[in-house]
N, C-alpha and C. Protein backbone atom coordinates (compact mmCIF):
# COMPACT_ATOMS: atom_id res chain seq x y z
N ALA A 1 111.67 110.53 84.56
CA ALA A 1 111.80 110.39 86.00
C ALA A 1 112.04 108.94 86.34
N SER A 2 112.90 108.71 87.29
CA SER A 2 113.12 107.35 87.72
C SER A 2 112.07 107.00 88.76
N ALA A 3 111.99 105.74 89.05
CA ALA A 3 110.99 105.30 90.02
C ALA A 3 111.33 105.81 91.40
N PRO A 4 110.32 106.24 92.15
CA PRO A 4 110.57 106.67 93.52
C PRO A 4 111.01 105.48 94.37
N PRO A 5 111.96 105.69 95.26
CA PRO A 5 112.36 104.61 96.15
C PRO A 5 111.32 104.42 97.24
N SER A 6 111.48 103.36 98.01
CA SER A 6 110.66 103.20 99.20
C SER A 6 111.07 104.32 100.14
N VAL A 7 110.14 105.17 100.54
CA VAL A 7 110.52 106.35 101.32
C VAL A 7 109.91 106.33 102.70
N ASP A 8 110.57 107.02 103.59
CA ASP A 8 110.10 107.24 104.95
C ASP A 8 109.27 108.51 104.91
N THR A 9 108.06 108.49 105.40
CA THR A 9 107.20 109.67 105.30
C THR A 9 107.66 110.82 106.17
N THR A 10 108.75 110.65 106.91
CA THR A 10 109.30 111.80 107.62
C THR A 10 110.14 112.66 106.68
N GLU A 11 110.55 112.11 105.55
CA GLU A 11 111.26 112.88 104.54
C GLU A 11 110.21 113.66 103.76
N ASP A 12 110.44 114.96 103.58
CA ASP A 12 109.45 115.77 102.89
C ASP A 12 109.86 116.03 101.46
N ALA A 13 108.89 116.36 100.65
CA ALA A 13 109.08 116.65 99.24
C ALA A 13 109.91 117.91 99.04
N THR A 14 110.43 118.06 97.83
CA THR A 14 111.06 119.30 97.41
C THR A 14 109.98 120.06 96.64
N TYR A 15 109.46 121.11 97.25
CA TYR A 15 108.32 121.81 96.68
C TYR A 15 108.73 122.82 95.61
N ALA A 16 107.86 122.97 94.63
CA ALA A 16 108.02 123.98 93.59
C ALA A 16 107.09 125.14 93.94
N ARG A 17 107.39 126.28 93.40
CA ARG A 17 106.53 127.45 93.64
C ARG A 17 105.18 127.23 92.94
N ALA A 18 104.10 127.44 93.67
CA ALA A 18 102.76 127.30 93.09
C ALA A 18 102.53 128.42 92.09
N ARG A 19 101.95 128.07 90.97
CA ARG A 19 101.66 129.06 89.93
C ARG A 19 100.22 128.89 89.44
N THR A 20 99.71 129.94 88.84
CA THR A 20 98.38 129.89 88.26
C THR A 20 98.30 128.70 87.30
N GLY A 21 97.23 127.93 87.40
CA GLY A 21 97.02 126.79 86.52
C GLY A 21 97.60 125.49 87.02
N HIS A 22 98.40 125.53 88.09
CA HIS A 22 98.89 124.27 88.66
C HIS A 22 97.72 123.51 89.28
N PRO A 23 97.75 122.19 89.23
CA PRO A 23 96.68 121.42 89.87
C PRO A 23 96.70 121.61 91.38
N ASP A 24 95.50 121.63 91.97
CA ASP A 24 95.48 121.77 93.43
C ASP A 24 94.61 120.75 94.14
N ARG A 25 93.83 119.92 93.42
CA ARG A 25 93.04 118.88 94.08
C ARG A 25 92.88 117.68 93.16
N LEU A 26 92.92 116.49 93.77
CA LEU A 26 92.60 115.25 93.08
C LEU A 26 91.29 114.75 93.65
N VAL A 27 90.35 114.45 92.76
CA VAL A 27 89.05 113.94 93.16
C VAL A 27 88.86 112.56 92.52
N VAL A 28 88.66 111.54 93.38
CA VAL A 28 88.44 110.17 92.91
C VAL A 28 87.16 109.68 93.58
N PRO A 29 86.01 109.89 92.92
CA PRO A 29 84.73 109.51 93.55
C PRO A 29 84.66 108.06 94.01
N ALA A 30 85.19 107.12 93.25
CA ALA A 30 85.11 105.70 93.62
C ALA A 30 85.82 105.40 94.93
N LEU A 31 86.79 106.24 95.31
CA LEU A 31 87.53 106.03 96.55
C LEU A 31 87.16 107.02 97.64
N GLY A 32 86.27 107.96 97.32
CA GLY A 32 85.92 108.99 98.28
C GLY A 32 87.08 109.94 98.55
N VAL A 33 87.96 110.10 97.57
CA VAL A 33 89.15 110.95 97.73
C VAL A 33 88.89 112.33 97.16
N ASP A 34 89.22 113.35 97.95
CA ASP A 34 89.24 114.74 97.52
C ASP A 34 90.43 115.35 98.26
N ALA A 35 91.61 115.24 97.65
CA ALA A 35 92.86 115.56 98.35
C ALA A 35 93.60 116.73 97.70
N PRO A 36 94.26 117.56 98.52
CA PRO A 36 95.06 118.65 97.98
C PRO A 36 96.30 118.13 97.26
N ILE A 37 96.75 118.90 96.29
CA ILE A 37 97.95 118.59 95.52
C ILE A 37 98.92 119.76 95.65
N ARG A 38 100.19 119.45 95.85
CA ARG A 38 101.26 120.46 95.86
C ARG A 38 102.23 120.15 94.73
N ALA A 39 102.76 121.17 94.10
CA ALA A 39 103.76 121.02 93.04
C ALA A 39 105.09 120.62 93.68
N ILE A 40 105.73 119.58 93.10
CA ILE A 40 107.01 119.09 93.64
C ILE A 40 108.01 118.86 92.51
N HIS A 41 109.28 118.91 92.87
CA HIS A 41 110.39 118.58 91.97
C HIS A 41 110.91 117.20 92.31
N ALA A 42 111.80 116.68 91.45
CA ALA A 42 112.45 115.40 91.67
C ALA A 42 113.96 115.59 91.63
N PRO A 43 114.54 116.17 92.70
CA PRO A 43 115.99 116.34 92.69
C PRO A 43 116.69 114.99 92.62
N ASP A 44 117.77 114.94 91.89
CA ASP A 44 118.53 113.69 91.72
C ASP A 44 117.65 112.56 91.20
N ARG A 45 116.61 112.94 90.44
CA ARG A 45 115.70 111.97 89.81
C ARG A 45 114.95 111.11 90.83
N THR A 46 114.78 111.62 92.05
CA THR A 46 114.02 110.92 93.08
C THR A 46 112.81 111.76 93.43
N LEU A 47 111.64 111.21 93.19
CA LEU A 47 110.39 111.93 93.44
C LEU A 47 109.85 111.51 94.81
N VAL A 48 109.87 112.43 95.76
CA VAL A 48 109.39 112.15 97.11
C VAL A 48 108.08 112.91 97.30
N PRO A 49 106.99 112.21 97.62
CA PRO A 49 105.71 112.89 97.87
C PRO A 49 105.76 113.73 99.14
N PRO A 50 104.78 114.62 99.30
CA PRO A 50 104.68 115.35 100.57
C PRO A 50 104.62 114.36 101.74
N ALA A 51 105.21 114.74 102.87
CA ALA A 51 105.24 113.85 104.04
C ALA A 51 103.84 113.55 104.56
N ASP A 52 102.93 114.51 104.48
CA ASP A 52 101.56 114.31 104.94
C ASP A 52 100.86 113.37 103.96
N PRO A 53 100.44 112.19 104.39
CA PRO A 53 99.83 111.23 103.47
C PRO A 53 98.46 111.64 102.94
N GLN A 54 97.90 112.73 103.48
CA GLN A 54 96.64 113.25 102.94
C GLN A 54 96.87 114.31 101.86
N VAL A 55 98.14 114.64 101.59
CA VAL A 55 98.50 115.62 100.58
C VAL A 55 99.29 114.92 99.48
N LEU A 56 98.93 115.21 98.24
CA LEU A 56 99.58 114.58 97.10
C LEU A 56 100.56 115.53 96.45
N GLY A 57 101.44 114.96 95.63
CA GLY A 57 102.41 115.77 94.91
C GLY A 57 102.24 115.60 93.41
N TRP A 58 102.34 116.72 92.69
CA TRP A 58 102.32 116.70 91.22
C TRP A 58 103.73 117.05 90.75
N TRP A 59 104.29 116.21 89.90
CA TRP A 59 105.63 116.40 89.37
C TRP A 59 105.61 117.56 88.38
N VAL A 60 106.11 118.70 88.83
CA VAL A 60 106.03 119.95 88.07
C VAL A 60 106.83 119.91 86.76
N ASP A 61 107.80 119.01 86.65
CA ASP A 61 108.60 118.93 85.43
C ASP A 61 107.99 118.01 84.38
N GLY A 62 106.86 117.42 84.68
CA GLY A 62 106.12 116.62 83.72
C GLY A 62 104.98 117.44 83.14
N ALA A 63 104.05 116.76 82.49
CA ALA A 63 102.90 117.43 81.88
C ALA A 63 101.95 117.96 82.95
N ARG A 64 101.24 119.01 82.61
CA ARG A 64 100.15 119.49 83.46
C ARG A 64 98.91 118.64 83.17
N PRO A 65 98.09 118.40 84.17
CA PRO A 65 96.82 117.71 83.89
C PRO A 65 96.03 118.49 82.84
N GLY A 66 95.50 117.76 81.88
CA GLY A 66 94.74 118.37 80.79
C GLY A 66 95.59 118.66 79.57
N ALA A 67 96.91 118.50 79.66
CA ALA A 67 97.79 118.75 78.51
C ALA A 67 97.53 117.73 77.41
N ALA A 68 97.75 118.13 76.18
CA ALA A 68 97.52 117.25 75.03
C ALA A 68 98.56 116.14 74.93
N THR A 69 99.76 116.39 75.45
CA THR A 69 100.80 115.36 75.41
C THR A 69 101.47 115.26 76.78
N GLY A 70 102.01 114.09 77.05
CA GLY A 70 102.79 113.85 78.25
C GLY A 70 101.99 113.25 79.39
N SER A 71 102.74 112.72 80.36
CA SER A 71 102.14 112.12 81.54
C SER A 71 102.13 113.13 82.68
N ALA A 72 100.96 113.43 83.20
CA ALA A 72 100.82 114.24 84.41
C ALA A 72 100.90 113.27 85.57
N LEU A 73 101.97 113.34 86.35
CA LEU A 73 102.23 112.37 87.41
C LEU A 73 101.86 112.95 88.76
N VAL A 74 100.96 112.26 89.47
CA VAL A 74 100.54 112.63 90.82
C VAL A 74 100.88 111.47 91.74
N VAL A 75 101.62 111.78 92.82
CA VAL A 75 102.10 110.76 93.74
C VAL A 75 101.66 111.05 95.16
N GLY A 76 101.59 110.00 95.96
CA GLY A 76 101.26 110.17 97.37
C GLY A 76 101.69 108.95 98.15
N HIS A 77 101.80 109.13 99.46
CA HIS A 77 102.16 108.03 100.34
C HIS A 77 100.95 107.17 100.64
N THR A 78 101.21 105.90 100.84
CA THR A 78 100.24 104.96 101.38
C THR A 78 100.62 104.74 102.85
N VAL A 79 99.62 104.56 103.69
CA VAL A 79 99.87 104.26 105.09
C VAL A 79 99.28 102.87 105.35
N HIS A 80 100.14 101.92 105.70
CA HIS A 80 99.67 100.54 105.85
C HIS A 80 98.59 100.40 106.90
N SER A 81 98.55 101.30 107.87
CA SER A 81 97.52 101.23 108.91
C SER A 81 96.32 102.13 108.62
N GLY A 82 96.32 102.77 107.46
CA GLY A 82 95.21 103.65 107.06
C GLY A 82 95.55 105.11 107.23
N GLY A 83 94.83 105.96 106.51
CA GLY A 83 95.01 107.39 106.64
C GLY A 83 95.67 108.08 105.47
N GLY A 84 96.11 107.33 104.48
CA GLY A 84 96.70 107.94 103.29
C GLY A 84 95.63 108.15 102.22
N ALA A 85 95.71 109.26 101.51
CA ALA A 85 94.72 109.56 100.48
C ALA A 85 94.68 108.47 99.40
N LEU A 86 95.82 107.84 99.13
CA LEU A 86 95.87 106.84 98.05
C LEU A 86 95.96 105.41 98.57
N ASP A 87 95.58 105.17 99.82
CA ASP A 87 95.67 103.84 100.42
C ASP A 87 94.99 102.75 99.59
N ASP A 88 93.87 103.07 98.97
CA ASP A 88 93.10 102.06 98.24
C ASP A 88 93.21 102.20 96.73
N LEU A 89 94.28 102.83 96.26
CA LEU A 89 94.43 103.09 94.83
C LEU A 89 94.32 101.83 93.98
N GLU A 90 94.82 100.71 94.50
CA GLU A 90 94.80 99.46 93.74
C GLU A 90 93.39 98.93 93.50
N THR A 91 92.39 99.46 94.18
CA THR A 91 91.00 98.99 94.00
C THR A 91 90.28 99.71 92.86
N LEU A 92 90.91 100.74 92.29
CA LEU A 92 90.27 101.38 91.12
C LEU A 92 90.13 100.37 90.00
N ARG A 93 89.14 100.60 89.16
CA ARG A 93 88.88 99.71 88.03
C ARG A 93 88.81 100.53 86.75
N PRO A 94 89.13 99.91 85.62
CA PRO A 94 88.97 100.63 84.35
C PRO A 94 87.55 101.18 84.24
N GLY A 95 87.46 102.42 83.82
CA GLY A 95 86.17 103.10 83.70
C GLY A 95 85.88 104.05 84.85
N ASP A 96 86.56 103.89 86.00
CA ASP A 96 86.36 104.83 87.11
C ASP A 96 86.85 106.22 86.70
N GLU A 97 86.17 107.25 87.19
CA GLU A 97 86.54 108.63 86.87
C GLU A 97 87.50 109.21 87.90
N VAL A 98 88.37 110.08 87.41
CA VAL A 98 89.32 110.82 88.24
C VAL A 98 89.33 112.25 87.74
N GLY A 99 89.30 113.20 88.64
CA GLY A 99 89.38 114.61 88.25
C GLY A 99 90.55 115.29 88.92
N VAL A 100 91.19 116.19 88.17
CA VAL A 100 92.26 117.01 88.73
C VAL A 100 91.86 118.46 88.51
N ARG A 101 91.65 119.17 89.63
CA ARG A 101 91.22 120.56 89.54
C ARG A 101 92.42 121.50 89.63
N SER A 102 92.41 122.49 88.77
CA SER A 102 93.42 123.56 88.81
C SER A 102 92.68 124.85 89.07
N ARG A 103 93.08 125.57 90.10
CA ARG A 103 92.43 126.84 90.44
C ARG A 103 93.21 128.00 89.87
N ARG A 104 92.46 129.07 89.67
CA ARG A 104 93.11 130.33 89.31
C ARG A 104 93.64 130.95 90.58
N ARG A 105 94.78 131.56 90.49
CA ARG A 105 95.40 132.20 91.68
C ARG A 105 94.45 133.22 92.28
N GLY A 106 94.27 133.13 93.58
CA GLY A 106 93.43 134.09 94.29
C GLY A 106 91.95 133.84 94.16
N ASP A 107 91.56 132.80 93.43
CA ASP A 107 90.14 132.53 93.23
C ASP A 107 89.86 131.11 93.69
N GLN A 108 89.46 130.96 94.93
CA GLN A 108 89.26 129.64 95.52
C GLN A 108 87.99 128.94 95.03
N ALA A 109 87.10 129.66 94.37
CA ALA A 109 85.81 129.08 94.01
C ALA A 109 85.74 128.59 92.58
N SER A 110 86.69 128.99 91.75
CA SER A 110 86.58 128.58 90.35
C SER A 110 87.88 127.98 89.87
N GLY A 111 87.81 127.36 88.75
CA GLY A 111 88.97 126.74 88.15
C GLY A 111 88.53 125.75 87.11
N ARG A 112 89.44 124.98 86.64
CA ARG A 112 89.21 124.02 85.58
C ARG A 112 89.48 122.62 86.14
N THR A 113 88.67 121.66 85.75
CA THR A 113 88.90 120.28 86.16
C THR A 113 89.15 119.43 84.93
N ALA A 114 90.31 118.81 84.89
CA ALA A 114 90.63 117.84 83.84
C ALA A 114 90.04 116.51 84.30
N THR A 115 89.19 115.94 83.48
CA THR A 115 88.51 114.70 83.84
C THR A 115 89.12 113.54 83.06
N TYR A 116 89.38 112.46 83.78
CA TYR A 116 90.01 111.28 83.20
C TYR A 116 89.18 110.04 83.52
N VAL A 117 89.40 109.00 82.76
CA VAL A 117 88.82 107.70 83.05
C VAL A 117 89.98 106.70 83.16
N VAL A 118 89.92 105.88 84.22
CA VAL A 118 90.97 104.90 84.46
C VAL A 118 91.00 103.91 83.30
N GLN A 119 92.20 103.72 82.80
CA GLN A 119 92.43 102.77 81.71
C GLN A 119 93.09 101.50 82.22
N ASP A 120 94.02 101.66 83.18
CA ASP A 120 94.82 100.53 83.61
C ASP A 120 95.24 100.69 85.07
N VAL A 121 95.23 99.60 85.82
CA VAL A 121 95.72 99.58 87.20
C VAL A 121 96.71 98.42 87.29
N GLU A 122 97.96 98.74 87.61
CA GLU A 122 99.00 97.72 87.69
C GLU A 122 99.76 97.84 89.00
N VAL A 123 100.22 96.71 89.51
CA VAL A 123 101.10 96.68 90.67
C VAL A 123 102.44 96.14 90.19
N TYR A 124 103.50 96.93 90.42
CA TYR A 124 104.84 96.57 89.97
C TYR A 124 105.77 96.45 91.16
N ARG A 125 106.59 95.40 91.18
CA ARG A 125 107.68 95.32 92.16
C ARG A 125 108.60 96.50 91.90
N LYS A 126 109.33 96.95 92.93
CA LYS A 126 110.18 98.14 92.82
C LYS A 126 111.16 98.04 91.64
N GLY A 127 111.81 96.92 91.46
CA GLY A 127 112.77 96.76 90.36
C GLY A 127 112.10 96.85 89.00
N THR A 128 110.93 96.24 88.88
CA THR A 128 110.20 96.29 87.61
C THR A 128 109.77 97.72 87.31
N LEU A 129 109.29 98.43 88.31
CA LEU A 129 108.89 99.82 88.11
C LEU A 129 110.08 100.65 87.63
N ALA A 130 111.24 100.46 88.24
CA ALA A 130 112.43 101.21 87.83
C ALA A 130 112.76 100.93 86.36
N ARG A 131 112.67 99.68 85.94
CA ARG A 131 112.97 99.32 84.54
C ARG A 131 111.94 99.89 83.57
N ARG A 132 110.69 100.03 84.00
CA ARG A 132 109.62 100.48 83.12
C ARG A 132 109.31 101.97 83.25
N ALA A 133 110.03 102.68 84.12
CA ALA A 133 109.72 104.08 84.44
C ALA A 133 109.68 104.97 83.20
N ALA A 134 110.62 104.82 82.29
CA ALA A 134 110.67 105.70 81.11
C ALA A 134 109.36 105.63 80.32
N GLY A 135 108.80 104.46 80.16
CA GLY A 135 107.53 104.31 79.44
C GLY A 135 106.33 104.74 80.26
N LEU A 136 106.33 104.38 81.55
CA LEU A 136 105.19 104.70 82.40
C LEU A 136 105.02 106.19 82.63
N PHE A 137 106.13 106.92 82.70
CA PHE A 137 106.08 108.35 83.00
C PHE A 137 106.48 109.20 81.80
N SER A 138 106.40 108.62 80.60
CA SER A 138 106.84 109.28 79.37
C SER A 138 106.14 110.62 79.13
N GLN A 139 106.91 111.56 78.61
CA GLN A 139 106.35 112.85 78.20
C GLN A 139 106.14 112.88 76.69
N GLU A 140 106.35 111.74 76.03
CA GLU A 140 106.21 111.63 74.58
C GLU A 140 104.95 110.87 74.18
N VAL A 141 103.97 110.81 75.04
CA VAL A 141 102.72 110.09 74.78
C VAL A 141 101.57 111.08 74.71
N ASP A 142 100.42 110.62 74.22
CA ASP A 142 99.23 111.46 74.28
C ASP A 142 98.94 111.78 75.75
N GLY A 143 98.35 112.94 76.01
CA GLY A 143 98.09 113.38 77.38
C GLY A 143 97.38 112.33 78.20
N ARG A 144 97.86 112.13 79.42
CA ARG A 144 97.27 111.16 80.34
C ARG A 144 97.64 111.55 81.76
N LEU A 145 96.97 110.91 82.70
CA LEU A 145 97.24 111.08 84.12
C LEU A 145 97.79 109.76 84.65
N VAL A 146 98.86 109.85 85.44
CA VAL A 146 99.44 108.67 86.07
C VAL A 146 99.44 108.93 87.58
N LEU A 147 98.81 108.03 88.32
CA LEU A 147 98.78 108.09 89.79
C LEU A 147 99.70 107.00 90.32
N LEU A 148 100.47 107.32 91.35
CA LEU A 148 101.46 106.38 91.86
C LEU A 148 101.50 106.42 93.38
N THR A 149 101.50 105.23 93.99
CA THR A 149 101.70 105.11 95.44
C THR A 149 102.35 103.77 95.73
N CYS A 150 102.75 103.57 96.97
CA CYS A 150 103.36 102.31 97.39
C CYS A 150 102.29 101.27 97.70
N GLU A 151 102.73 100.03 97.72
CA GLU A 151 101.83 98.90 97.96
C GLU A 151 102.66 97.77 98.56
N GLU A 152 102.00 96.81 99.18
CA GLU A 152 102.58 95.56 99.66
C GLU A 152 103.56 95.77 100.82
N TRP A 153 103.01 96.22 101.94
CA TRP A 153 103.78 96.42 103.17
C TRP A 153 104.20 95.07 103.73
N ASP A 154 105.48 94.90 104.01
CA ASP A 154 105.96 93.62 104.54
C ASP A 154 106.27 93.69 106.04
N GLY A 155 105.85 94.78 106.69
CA GLY A 155 106.13 94.97 108.10
C GLY A 155 107.29 95.92 108.35
N GLU A 156 108.09 96.16 107.30
CA GLU A 156 109.22 97.08 107.41
C GLU A 156 109.25 98.12 106.28
N ARG A 157 108.79 97.71 105.11
CA ARG A 157 108.85 98.60 103.94
C ARG A 157 107.83 98.14 102.90
N TYR A 158 107.61 99.00 101.92
CA TYR A 158 106.74 98.66 100.80
C TYR A 158 107.56 97.99 99.72
N LEU A 159 107.05 96.91 99.16
CA LEU A 159 107.79 96.12 98.18
C LEU A 159 107.43 96.46 96.74
N SER A 160 106.30 97.14 96.53
CA SER A 160 105.85 97.41 95.17
C SER A 160 105.13 98.75 95.11
N ASN A 161 104.71 99.10 93.91
CA ASN A 161 103.97 100.34 93.68
C ASN A 161 102.74 100.06 92.84
N VAL A 162 101.68 100.81 93.13
CA VAL A 162 100.48 100.80 92.29
C VAL A 162 100.64 101.95 91.30
N VAL A 163 100.40 101.65 90.03
CA VAL A 163 100.44 102.67 88.98
C VAL A 163 99.09 102.64 88.27
N VAL A 164 98.37 103.76 88.33
CA VAL A 164 97.09 103.89 87.64
C VAL A 164 97.30 104.84 86.47
N THR A 165 96.91 104.40 85.30
CA THR A 165 96.98 105.24 84.11
C THR A 165 95.55 105.57 83.71
N ALA A 166 95.29 106.87 83.50
CA ALA A 166 93.95 107.33 83.13
C ALA A 166 94.07 108.25 81.91
N VAL A 167 93.08 108.17 81.06
CA VAL A 167 93.07 108.97 79.83
C VAL A 167 91.96 110.01 79.91
N PRO A 168 92.15 111.14 79.22
CA PRO A 168 91.17 112.22 79.31
C PRO A 168 89.83 111.87 78.68
N VAL A 169 88.78 112.45 79.24
CA VAL A 169 87.44 112.34 78.67
C VAL A 169 86.89 113.75 78.50
N GLY A 170 85.86 113.91 77.71
CA GLY A 170 85.24 115.21 77.55
C GLY A 170 84.45 115.59 78.79
N GLY A 171 84.25 116.88 78.99
CA GLY A 171 83.43 117.35 80.10
C GLY A 171 84.25 117.62 81.35
N ASP A 172 83.59 118.09 82.36
CA ASP A 172 84.22 118.44 83.63
C ASP A 172 83.56 117.69 84.77
N LEU A 173 84.33 117.37 85.79
CA LEU A 173 83.79 116.90 87.07
C LEU A 173 83.58 118.14 87.91
N ARG A 174 82.44 118.35 88.42
CA ARG A 174 82.18 119.53 89.27
C ARG A 174 82.01 119.07 90.70
N GLY A 175 82.55 119.83 91.61
CA GLY A 175 82.38 119.40 92.99
C GLY A 175 83.02 120.34 93.95
């Protein structure tokens, strides 16, 4: 996947059909985040998150959270004035926990949570992210979670992106 461009949140994602086992919530205790996830595609290699900044997108053509190989990519909008689920993503620190819950179809009370621990938090200028996208979003790596949002509002647009890489840990986050 190529790097997402700076997007206008009035543009909406290209949604994929929800299926059993798809992730449906991201839980980041350190940020107080418990946000819904929708499956999305990247037409023309452009990944656009859901327009609602409280809803995240999971790139359906990448790895599923909890997979043994590949990057499970979850993206969301940042709102410079507040209100986006990933507004404070850059404040995560190595060792912070992140959970991605996948529900069984028709069963709102149960499911599986893939639990990760933050390994790396980086801020990349848009051009640098585009050059490094193949490695950052690789499907040829050990299973991991990659969280992505915009950063560095200049009054007109976002100049960079926050990329959080997290690796799986044993056990489940319950909540």
